Amino acid sequence: MKKIYLIVLATLCFSLNSSAQKVSGSVKGILQDSASSSTLGDATVSVMSLPDSSLVSFTLTSSTGYFEIKNLAAGDYLLVSSFVG
């Protein structure tokens, strides 16, 4: 009988622990000029929340145009890039 209680308790603890985890995502890519197809290094890539356009996160692209933004909560976002040059 004690073994059954232990198994039930362990199962309950594992199920509560796994359901408490947050879902997070990321966005990554390579930023290119639409006219010349050349990569855009040192450009700013921003992630904004759609309901109010508040800034969630941002990063600079590498010299090859690569960017990655991690740890985004599930939701709808607007991706904005800017480059001066």
C-alpha atoms as a PDB file:
ATOM      1  CA  MET A   1       0.000   0.000   0.000  1.00  0.00           C
ATOM      2  CA  LYS A   2       2.878   2.367   0.790  1.00  0.00           C
ATOM      3  CA  LYS A   3       4.375   1.712  -2.649  1.00  0.00           C
ATOM      4  CA  ILE A   4       1.147   2.761  -4.358  1.00  0.00           C
ATOM      5  CA  TYR A   5       1.045   6.047  -2.419  1.00  0.00           C
ATOM      6  CA  LEU A   6       4.683   6.686  -3.293  1.00  0.00           C
ATOM      7  CA  ILE A   7       4.057   6.055  -7.003  1.00  0.00           C
ATOM      8  CA  VAL A   8       0.979   8.303  -7.006  1.00  0.00           C
ATOM      9  CA  LEU A   9       2.863  11.049  -5.162  1.00  0.00           C
ATOM     10  CA  ALA A  10       5.852  10.831  -7.526  1.00  0.00           C
ATOM     11  CA  THR A  11       3.579  10.921 -10.594  1.00  0.00           C
ATOM     12  CA  LEU A  12       1.726  13.937  -9.240  1.00  0.00           C
ATOM     13  CA  CYS A  13       4.969  15.802  -8.511  1.00  0.00           C
ATOM     14  CA  PHE A  14       6.345  15.142 -12.000  1.00  0.00           C
ATOM     15  CA  SER A  15       3.120  16.195 -13.716  1.00  0.00           C
ATOM     16  CA  LEU A  16       2.904  19.444 -11.729  1.00  0.00           C
ATOM     17  CA  ASN A  17       6.536  20.257 -12.436  1.00  0.00           C
ATOM     18  CA  SER A  18       6.238  19.686 -16.195  1.00  0.00           C
ATOM     19  CA  SER A  19       3.058  21.771 -16.551  1.00  0.00           C
ATOM     20  CA  ALA A  20       4.654  24.744 -14.811  1.00  0.00           C
ATOM     21  CA  GLN A  21       7.267  25.243 -17.532  1.00  0.00           C
ATOM     22  CA  LYS A  22       6.902  28.287 -19.758  1.00  0.00           C
ATOM     23  CA  VAL A  23       6.957  28.015 -23.507  1.00  0.00           C
ATOM     24  CA  SER A  24       9.625  30.210 -25.035  1.00  0.00           C
ATOM     25  CA  GLY A  25      10.704  30.651 -28.594  1.00  0.00           C
ATOM     26  CA  SER A  26      13.261  32.413 -30.702  1.00  0.00           C
ATOM     27  CA  VAL A  27      13.606  34.151 -34.029  1.00  0.00           C
ATOM     28  CA  LYS A  28      16.729  33.957 -36.154  1.00  0.00           C
ATOM     29  CA  GLY A  29      17.741  34.660 -39.708  1.00  0.00           C
ATOM     30  CA  ILE A  30      19.982  36.515 -42.110  1.00  0.00           C
ATOM     31  CA  LEU A  31      19.121  40.094 -43.034  1.00  0.00           C
ATOM     32  CA  GLN A  32      19.611  40.907 -46.730  1.00  0.00           C
ATOM     33  CA  ASP A  33      19.052  43.947 -48.923  1.00  0.00           C
ATOM     34  CA  SER A  34      16.033  43.254 -51.149  1.00  0.00           C
ATOM     35  CA  ALA A  35      17.552  45.084 -54.151  1.00  0.00           C
ATOM     36  CA  SER A  36      21.129  43.758 -54.183  1.00  0.00           C
ATOM     37  CA  SER A  37      20.745  40.588 -52.042  1.00  0.00           C
ATOM     38  CA  SER A  38      23.848  41.609 -50.072  1.00  0.00           C
ATOM     39  CA  THR A  39      23.846  40.883 -46.343  1.00  0.00           C
ATOM     40  CA  LEU A  40      23.373  43.778 -43.933  1.00  0.00           C
ATOM     41  CA  GLY A  41      25.916  43.760 -41.112  1.00  0.00           C
ATOM     42  CA  ASP A  42      25.479  45.881 -37.987  1.00  0.00           C
ATOM     43  CA  ALA A  43      21.771  46.429 -38.642  1.00  0.00           C
ATOM     44  CA  THR A  44      19.291  46.612 -35.767  1.00  0.00           C
ATOM     45  CA  VAL A  45      16.576  43.945 -35.526  1.00  0.00           C
ATOM     46  CA  SER A  46      13.790  44.685 -33.039  1.00  0.00           C
ATOM     47  CA  VAL A  47      10.912  42.545 -31.758  1.00  0.00           C
ATOM     48  CA  MET A  48       7.818  44.532 -30.778  1.00  0.00           C
ATOM     49  CA  SER A  49       4.624  43.408 -29.119  1.00  0.00           C
ATOM     50  CA  LEU A  50       1.656  43.765 -31.484  1.00  0.00           C
ATOM     51  CA  PRO A  51      -1.057  45.158 -29.216  1.00  0.00           C
ATOM     52  CA  ASP A  52       0.896  48.281 -28.239  1.00  0.00           C
ATOM     53  CA  SER A  53       4.163  48.166 -30.268  1.00  0.00           C
ATOM     54  CA  SER A  54       6.239  48.113 -27.102  1.00  0.00           C
ATOM     55  CA  LEU A  55       9.827  46.956 -27.491  1.00  0.00           C
ATOM     56  CA  VAL A  56      10.327  43.373 -26.311  1.00  0.00           C
ATOM     57  CA  SER A  57      13.923  42.785 -27.405  1.00  0.00           C
ATOM     58  CA  PHE A  58      16.508  43.824 -29.980  1.00  0.00           C
ATOM     59  CA  THR A  59      19.897  42.826 -31.323  1.00  0.00           C
ATOM     60  CA  LEU A  60      22.516  43.812 -33.885  1.00  0.00           C
ATOM     61  CA  THR A  61      23.258  41.608 -36.865  1.00  0.00           C
ATOM     62  CA  SER A  62      26.731  40.135 -37.280  1.00  0.00           C
ATOM     63  CA  SER A  63      28.987  41.137 -40.162  1.00  0.00           C
ATOM     64  CA  THR A  64      27.339  38.364 -42.199  1.00  0.00           C
ATOM     65  CA  GLY A  65      23.820  39.658 -41.450  1.00  0.00           C
ATOM     66  CA  TYR A  66      22.969  36.846 -39.004  1.00  0.00           C
ATOM     67  CA  PHE A  67      20.769  37.587 -35.994  1.00  0.00           C
ATOM     68  CA  GLU A  68      19.075  35.580 -33.238  1.00  0.00           C
ATOM     69  CA  ILE A  69      16.722  36.693 -30.477  1.00  0.00           C
ATOM     70  CA  LYS A  70      15.975  34.072 -27.805  1.00  0.00           C
ATOM     71  CA  ASN A  71      13.571  33.640 -24.888  1.00  0.00           C
ATOM     72  CA  LEU A  72      10.431  35.090 -26.474  1.00  0.00           C
ATOM     73  CA  ALA A  73       7.165  34.203 -24.787  1.00  0.00           C
ATOM     74  CA  ALA A  74       4.414  32.762 -26.963  1.00  0.00           C
ATOM     75  CA  GLY A  75       2.445  35.512 -28.699  1.00  0.00           C
ATOM     76  CA  ASP A  76       2.170  37.769 -31.720  1.00  0.00           C
ATOM     77  CA  TYR A  77       5.069  40.087 -32.535  1.00  0.00           C
ATOM     78  CA  LEU A  78       6.217  42.584 -35.120  1.00  0.00           C
ATOM     79  CA  LEU A  79       9.778  42.226 -36.432  1.00  0.00           C
ATOM     80  CA  VAL A  80      11.381  45.535 -37.450  1.00  0.00           C
ATOM     81  CA  SER A  81      14.819  46.015 -38.954  1.00  0.00           C
ATOM     82  CA  SER A  82      16.747  49.231 -39.569  1.00  0.00           C
ATOM     83  CA  PHE A  83      20.024  49.872 -41.341  1.00  0.00           C
ATOM     84  CA  VAL A  84      21.919  53.088 -42.038  1.00  0.00           C
ATOM     85  CA  GLY A  85      24.562  52.988 -44.723  1.00  0.00           C
END
